[in-house]
Amino acid sequence: MSKSKQMFTEERERSQDQDSHFDAEYRYEQWMSQLKEKQNHNSNSAVEILNDVFKSYGEIFGTKTKVK
C-alpha cells in the first residue's frame, strides 16, 4: 500500500472515531436533559423542601419546655 493511501485510511479512521465520540456526547447530553426535565416535574418545589428542612431542624434542635 502506498504511503498516501495509508495516510488517507488512517485519517479517515480517526475522523470516524471523532464522529462517533461526538455522537455519543450528543446522545448523553440529550439523555441528561430529558432526565433533568423528568426530575423537575416529579420533585417538590423548593419552598416545600425548605419547609420540611426547617420543620425537621426545629424538631431536632428546638427548645423544649420542661414541666415542673
PDB file of N, CA and C in Angstrom:
ATOM      1  N   MET A   1       0.848  -1.166   0.000  1.00  0.00           N
ATOM      2  CA  MET A   1       0.000   0.000   0.000  1.00  0.00           C
ATOM      3  C   MET A   1       0.897   1.233   0.000  1.00  0.00           C
ATOM      4  N   SER A   2       0.528   2.189  -0.796  1.00  0.00           N
ATOM      5  CA  SER A   2       1.343   3.395  -0.869  1.00  0.00           C
ATOM      6  C   SER A   2       1.181   4.216   0.409  1.00  0.00           C
ATOM      7  N   LYS A   3       2.147   5.066   0.624  1.00  0.00           N
ATOM      8  CA  LYS A   3       2.172   5.888   1.840  1.00  0.00           C
ATOM      9  C   LYS A   3       0.966   6.831   1.898  1.00  0.00           C
ATOM     10  N   SER A   4       0.615   7.439   0.772  1.00  0.00           N
ATOM     11  CA  SER A   4      -0.511   8.372   0.761  1.00  0.00           C
ATOM     12  C   SER A   4      -1.831   7.639   1.022  1.00  0.00           C
ATOM     13  N   LYS A   5      -1.974   6.442   0.469  1.00  0.00           N
ATOM     14  CA  LYS A   5      -3.180   5.645   0.703  1.00  0.00           C
ATOM     15  C   LYS A   5      -3.281   5.272   2.180  1.00  0.00           C
ATOM     16  N   GLN A   6      -2.170   4.896   2.776  1.00  0.00           N
ATOM     17  CA  GLN A   6      -2.138   4.541   4.190  1.00  0.00           C
ATOM     18  C   GLN A   6      -2.515   5.754   5.057  1.00  0.00           C
ATOM     19  N   MET A   7      -1.935   6.920   4.731  1.00  0.00           N
ATOM     20  CA  MET A   7      -2.253   8.128   5.496  1.00  0.00           C
ATOM     21  C   MET A   7      -3.731   8.491   5.343  1.00  0.00           C
ATOM     22  N   PHE A   8      -4.261   8.358   4.124  1.00  0.00           N
ATOM     23  CA  PHE A   8      -5.668   8.645   3.891  1.00  0.00           C
ATOM     24  C   PHE A   8      -6.549   7.719   4.727  1.00  0.00           C
ATOM     25  N   THR A   9      -6.231   6.452   4.757  1.00  0.00           N
ATOM     26  CA  THR A   9      -7.006   5.476   5.518  1.00  0.00           C
ATOM     27  C   THR A   9      -6.946   5.784   7.011  1.00  0.00           C
ATOM     28  N   GLU A  10      -5.773   6.094   7.522  1.00  0.00           N
ATOM     29  CA  GLU A  10      -5.637   6.430   8.945  1.00  0.00           C
ATOM     30  C   GLU A  10      -6.431   7.680   9.297  1.00  0.00           C
ATOM     31  N   GLU A  11      -6.377   8.680   8.436  1.00  0.00           N
ATOM     32  CA  GLU A  11      -7.109   9.921   8.684  1.00  0.00           C
ATOM     33  C   GLU A  11      -8.616   9.684   8.678  1.00  0.00           C
ATOM     34  N   ARG A  12      -9.071   8.873   7.756  1.00  0.00           N
ATOM     35  CA  ARG A  12     -10.497   8.550   7.685  1.00  0.00           C
ATOM     36  C   ARG A  12     -10.953   7.803   8.935  1.00  0.00           C
ATOM     37  N   GLU A  13     -10.155   6.855   9.420  1.00  0.00           N
ATOM     38  CA  GLU A  13     -10.495   6.128  10.644  1.00  0.00           C
ATOM     39  C   GLU A  13     -10.523   7.065  11.851  1.00  0.00           C
ATOM     40  N   ARG A  14      -9.565   7.961  11.922  1.00  0.00           N
ATOM     41  CA  ARG A  14      -9.510   8.928  13.017  1.00  0.00           C
ATOM     42  C   ARG A  14     -10.741   9.826  12.984  1.00  0.00           C
ATOM     43  N   SER A  15     -11.126  10.243  11.793  1.00  0.00           N
ATOM     44  CA  SER A  15     -12.308  11.089  11.630  1.00  0.00           C
ATOM     45  C   SER A  15     -13.568  10.355  12.057  1.00  0.00           C
ATOM     46  N   GLN A  16     -13.678   9.098  11.712  1.00  0.00           N
ATOM     47  CA  GLN A  16     -14.839   8.299  12.107  1.00  0.00           C
ATOM     48  C   GLN A  16     -14.894   8.121  13.622  1.00  0.00           C
ATOM     49  N   ASP A  17     -13.748   7.938  14.245  1.00  0.00           N
ATOM     50  CA  ASP A  17     -13.700   7.813  15.710  1.00  0.00           C
ATOM     51  C   ASP A  17     -14.178   9.094  16.376  1.00  0.00           C
ATOM     52  N   GLN A  18     -13.748  10.242  15.837  1.00  0.00           N
ATOM     53  CA  GLN A  18     -14.178  11.522  16.396  1.00  0.00           C
ATOM     54  C   GLN A  18     -15.679  11.705  16.216  1.00  0.00           C
ATOM     55  N   ASP A  19     -16.193  11.350  15.049  1.00  0.00           N
ATOM     56  CA  ASP A  19     -17.628  11.483  14.786  1.00  0.00           C
ATOM     57  C   ASP A  19     -18.432  10.628  15.754  1.00  0.00           C
ATOM     58  N   SER A  20     -17.994   9.411  15.986  1.00  0.00           N
ATOM     59  CA  SER A  20     -18.724   8.546  16.913  1.00  0.00           C
ATOM     60  C   SER A  20     -18.636   9.085  18.338  1.00  0.00           C
ATOM     61  N   HIS A  21     -17.497   9.696  18.689  1.00  0.00           N
ATOM     62  CA  HIS A  21     -17.350  10.305  20.010  1.00  0.00           C
ATOM     63  C   HIS A  21     -18.307  11.482  20.169  1.00  0.00           C
ATOM     64  N   PHE A  22     -18.399  12.332  19.155  1.00  0.00           N
ATOM     65  CA  PHE A  22     -19.312  13.469  19.209  1.00  0.00           C
ATOM     66  C   PHE A  22     -20.761  13.000  19.267  1.00  0.00           C
ATOM     67  N   ASP A  23     -21.086  11.938  18.531  1.00  0.00           N
ATOM     68  CA  ASP A  23     -22.438  11.387  18.578  1.00  0.00           C
ATOM     69  C   ASP A  23     -22.761  10.866  19.970  1.00  0.00           C
ATOM     70  N   ALA A  24     -21.808  10.202  20.596  1.00  0.00           N
ATOM     71  CA  ALA A  24     -22.017   9.679  21.938  1.00  0.00           C
ATOM     72  C   ALA A  24     -22.209  10.820  22.936  1.00  0.00           C
ATOM     73  N   GLU A  25     -21.422  11.869  22.814  1.00  0.00           N
ATOM     74  CA  GLU A  25     -21.577  13.029  23.701  1.00  0.00           C
ATOM     75  C   GLU A  25     -22.935  13.676  23.509  1.00  0.00           C
ATOM     76  N   TYR A  26     -23.355  13.813  22.267  1.00  0.00           N
ATOM     77  CA  TYR A  26     -24.656  14.427  21.974  1.00  0.00           C
ATOM     78  C   TYR A  26     -25.790  13.591  22.563  1.00  0.00           C
ATOM     79  N   ARG A  27     -25.729  12.289  22.378  1.00  0.00           N
ATOM     80  CA  ARG A  27     -26.774  11.420  22.946  1.00  0.00           C
ATOM     81  C   ARG A  27     -26.780  11.496  24.460  1.00  0.00           C
ATOM     82  N   TYR A  28     -25.603  11.539  25.089  1.00  0.00           N
ATOM     83  CA  TYR A  28     -25.512  11.652  26.533  1.00  0.00           C
ATOM     84  C   TYR A  28     -26.149  12.951  27.019  1.00  0.00           C
ATOM     85  N   GLU A  29     -25.840  14.054  26.355  1.00  0.00           N
ATOM     86  CA  GLU A  29     -26.411  15.344  26.751  1.00  0.00           C
ATOM     87  C   GLU A  29     -27.924  15.352  26.574  1.00  0.00           C
ATOM     88  N   GLN A  30     -28.414  14.771  25.510  1.00  0.00           N
ATOM     89  CA  GLN A  30     -29.862  14.681  25.300  1.00  0.00           C
ATOM     90  C   GLN A  30     -30.510  13.855  26.401  1.00  0.00           C
ATOM     91  N   TRP A  31     -29.897  12.733  26.739  1.00  0.00           N
ATOM     92  CA  TRP A  31     -30.428  11.859  27.779  1.00  0.00           C
ATOM     93  C   TRP A  31     -30.451  12.574  29.126  1.00  0.00           C
ATOM     94  N   MET A  32     -29.356  13.280  29.450  1.00  0.00           N
ATOM     95  CA  MET A  32     -29.296  14.001  30.728  1.00  0.00           C
ATOM     96  C   MET A  32     -30.328  15.117  30.788  1.00  0.00           C
ATOM     97  N   SER A  33     -30.538  15.829  29.701  1.00  0.00           N
ATOM     98  CA  SER A  33     -31.528  16.909  29.715  1.00  0.00           C
ATOM     99  C   SER A  33     -32.936  16.346  29.884  1.00  0.00           C
ATOM    100  N   GLN A  34     -33.222  15.213  29.270  1.00  0.00           N
ATOM    101  CA  GLN A  34     -34.528  14.583  29.456  1.00  0.00           C
ATOM    102  C   GLN A  34     -34.698  14.099  30.888  1.00  0.00           C
ATOM    103  N   LEU A  35     -33.647  13.554  31.463  1.00  0.00           N
ATOM    104  CA  LEU A  35     -33.702  13.089  32.843  1.00  0.00           C
ATOM    105  C   LEU A  35     -33.936  14.247  33.798  1.00  0.00           C
ATOM    106  N   LYS A  36     -33.245  15.351  33.599  1.00  0.00           N
ATOM    107  CA  LYS A  36     -33.431  16.525  34.449  1.00  0.00           C
ATOM    108  C   LYS A  36     -34.846  17.071  34.320  1.00  0.00           C
ATOM    109  N   GLU A  37     -35.376  17.061  33.114  1.00  0.00           N
ATOM    110  CA  GLU A  37     -36.733  17.555  32.887  1.00  0.00           C
ATOM    111  C   GLU A  37     -37.746  16.682  33.620  1.00  0.00           C
ATOM    112  N   LYS A  38     -37.544  15.368  33.582  1.00  0.00           N
ATOM    113  CA  LYS A  38     -38.445  14.461  34.302  1.00  0.00           C
ATOM    114  C   LYS A  38     -38.348  14.677  35.807  1.00  0.00           C
ATOM    115  N   GLN A  39     -37.141  14.883  36.313  1.00  0.00           N
ATOM    116  CA  GLN A  39     -36.962  15.109  37.740  1.00  0.00           C
ATOM    117  C   GLN A  39     -37.633  16.400  38.177  1.00  0.00           C
ATOM    118  N   ASN A  40     -37.589  17.416  37.355  1.00  0.00           N
ATOM    119  CA  ASN A  40     -38.206  18.690  37.702  1.00  0.00           C
ATOM    120  C   ASN A  40     -39.716  18.570  37.817  1.00  0.00           C
ATOM    121  N   HIS A  41     -40.322  17.730  37.024  1.00  0.00           N
ATOM    122  CA  HIS A  41     -41.764  17.576  37.060  1.00  0.00           C
ATOM    123  C   HIS A  41     -42.216  16.745  38.259  1.00  0.00           C
ATOM    124  N   ASN A  42     -41.383  15.851  38.733  1.00  0.00           N
ATOM    125  CA  ASN A  42     -41.782  14.944  39.800  1.00  0.00           C
ATOM    126  C   ASN A  42     -41.312  15.380  41.180  1.00  0.00           C
ATOM    127  N   SER A  43     -40.536  16.413  41.273  1.00  0.00           N
ATOM    128  CA  SER A  43     -39.973  16.793  42.554  1.00  0.00           C
ATOM    129  C   SER A  43     -40.831  17.850  43.238  1.00  0.00           C
ATOM    130  N   ASN A  44     -40.614  17.985  44.531  1.00  0.00           N
ATOM    131  CA  ASN A  44     -41.290  19.026  45.303  1.00  0.00           C
ATOM    132  C   ASN A  44     -40.704  20.379  44.951  1.00  0.00           C
ATOM    133  N   SER A  45     -41.473  21.397  45.243  1.00  0.00           N
ATOM    134  CA  SER A  45     -40.951  22.736  44.988  1.00  0.00           C
ATOM    135  C   SER A  45     -39.912  23.072  46.049  1.00  0.00           C
ATOM    136  N   ALA A  46     -39.122  24.083  45.786  1.00  0.00           N
ATOM    137  CA  ALA A  46     -38.076  24.488  46.725  1.00  0.00           C
ATOM    138  C   ALA A  46     -38.688  24.932  48.046  1.00  0.00           C
ATOM    139  N   VAL A  47     -39.845  25.582  47.996  1.00  0.00           N
ATOM    140  CA  VAL A  47     -40.498  26.048  49.224  1.00  0.00           C
ATOM    141  C   VAL A  47     -40.894  24.858  50.089  1.00  0.00           C
ATOM    142  N   GLU A  48     -41.452  23.823  49.471  1.00  0.00           N
ATOM    143  CA  GLU A  48     -41.848  22.633  50.236  1.00  0.00           C
ATOM    144  C   GLU A  48     -40.635  21.953  50.866  1.00  0.00           C
ATOM    145  N   ILE A  49     -39.563  21.864  50.127  1.00  0.00           N
ATOM    146  CA  ILE A  49     -38.349  21.229  50.647  1.00  0.00           C
ATOM    147  C   ILE A  49     -37.790  22.035  51.816  1.00  0.00           C
ATOM    148  N   LEU A  50     -37.714  23.361  51.664  1.00  0.00           N
ATOM    149  CA  LEU A  50     -37.206  24.197  52.759  1.00  0.00           C
ATOM    150  C   LEU A  50     -38.115  24.131  53.974  1.00  0.00           C
ATOM    151  N   ASN A  51     -39.417  24.102  53.773  1.00  0.00           N
ATOM    152  CA  ASN A  51     -40.334  23.968  54.902  1.00  0.00           C
ATOM    153  C   ASN A  51     -40.075  22.676  55.663  1.00  0.00           C
ATOM    154  N   ASP A  52     -39.865  21.585  54.943  1.00  0.00           N
ATOM    155  CA  ASP A  52     -39.553  20.308  55.589  1.00  0.00           C
ATOM    156  C   ASP A  52     -38.233  20.376  56.346  1.00  0.00           C
ATOM    157  N   VAL A  53     -37.238  21.015  55.753  1.00  0.00           N
ATOM    158  CA  VAL A  53     -35.929  21.127  56.398  1.00  0.00           C
ATOM    159  C   VAL A  53     -36.042  21.910  57.705  1.00  0.00           C
ATOM    160  N   PHE A  54     -36.716  23.075  57.661  1.00  0.00           N
ATOM    161  CA  PHE A  54     -36.826  23.897  58.861  1.00  0.00           C
ATOM    162  C   PHE A  54     -37.696  23.233  59.922  1.00  0.00           C
ATOM    163  N   LYS A  55     -38.713  22.541  59.505  1.00  0.00           N
ATOM    164  CA  LYS A  55     -39.568  21.827  60.464  1.00  0.00           C
ATOM    165  C   LYS A  55     -38.747  20.739  61.167  1.00  0.00           C
ATOM    166  N   SER A  56     -37.985  19.979  60.390  1.00  0.00           N
ATOM    167  CA  SER A  56     -37.149  18.930  60.972  1.00  0.00           C
ATOM    168  C   SER A  56     -36.086  19.521  61.889  1.00  0.00           C
ATOM    169  N   TYR A  57     -35.473  20.628  61.474  1.00  0.00           N
ATOM    170  CA  TYR A  57     -34.461  21.292  62.301  1.00  0.00           C
ATOM    171  C   TYR A  57     -35.072  21.737  63.627  1.00  0.00           C
ATOM    172  N   GLY A  58     -36.264  22.308  63.555  1.00  0.00           N
ATOM    173  CA  GLY A  58     -36.948  22.740  64.773  1.00  0.00           C
ATOM    174  C   GLY A  58     -37.268  21.583  65.688  1.00  0.00           C
ATOM    175  N   GLU A  59     -37.662  20.461  65.121  1.00  0.00           N
ATOM    176  CA  GLU A  59     -37.958  19.285  65.937  1.00  0.00           C
ATOM    177  C   GLU A  59     -36.700  18.734  66.601  1.00  0.00           C
ATOM    178  N   ILE A  60     -35.583  18.812  65.917  1.00  0.00           N
ATOM    179  CA  ILE A  60     -34.345  18.250  66.457  1.00  0.00           C
ATOM    180  C   ILE A  60     -33.684  19.208  67.445  1.00  0.00           C
ATOM    181  N   PHE A  61     -33.533  20.467  67.070  1.00  0.00           N
ATOM    182  CA  PHE A  61     -32.754  21.411  67.861  1.00  0.00           C
ATOM    183  C   PHE A  61     -33.603  22.457  68.562  1.00  0.00           C
ATOM    184  N   GLY A  62     -34.902  22.400  68.435  1.00  0.00           N
ATOM    185  CA  GLY A  62     -35.772  23.409  69.045  1.00  0.00           C
ATOM    186  C   GLY A  62     -35.721  23.333  70.549  1.00  0.00           C
ATOM    187  N   THR A  63     -36.160  24.444  71.178  1.00  0.00           N
ATOM    188  CA  THR A  63     -36.171  24.479  72.649  1.00  0.00           C
ATOM    189  C   THR A  63     -37.324  23.637  73.139  1.00  0.00           C
ATOM    190  N   LYS A  64     -37.059  22.938  74.191  1.00  0.00           N
ATOM    191  CA  LYS A  64     -38.084  22.092  74.785  1.00  0.00           C
ATOM    192  C   LYS A  64     -38.454  22.693  76.134  1.00  0.00           C
ATOM    193  N   THR A  65     -39.725  22.807  76.356  1.00  0.00           N
ATOM    194  CA  THR A  65     -40.165  23.346  77.648  1.00  0.00           C
ATOM    195  C   THR A  65     -40.251  22.196  78.633  1.00  0.00           C
ATOM    196  N   LYS A  66     -39.720  22.458  79.804  1.00  0.00           N
ATOM    197  CA  LYS A  66     -39.740  21.446  80.843  1.00  0.00           C
ATOM    198  C   LYS A  66     -40.898  21.730  81.790  1.00  0.00           C
ATOM    199  N   VAL A  67     -41.599  20.694  82.084  1.00  0.00           N
ATOM    200  CA  VAL A  67     -42.723  20.823  83.015  1.00  0.00           C
ATOM    201  C   VAL A  67     -42.206  20.508  84.405  1.00  0.00           C
ATOM    202  N   LYS A  68     -42.484  21.456  85.346  1.00  0.00           N
ATOM    203  CA  LYS A  68     -42.013  21.237  86.727  1.00  0.00           C
ATOM    204  C   LYS A  68     -43.121  20.729  87.597  1.00  0.00           C
TER     205      LYS A  68
END
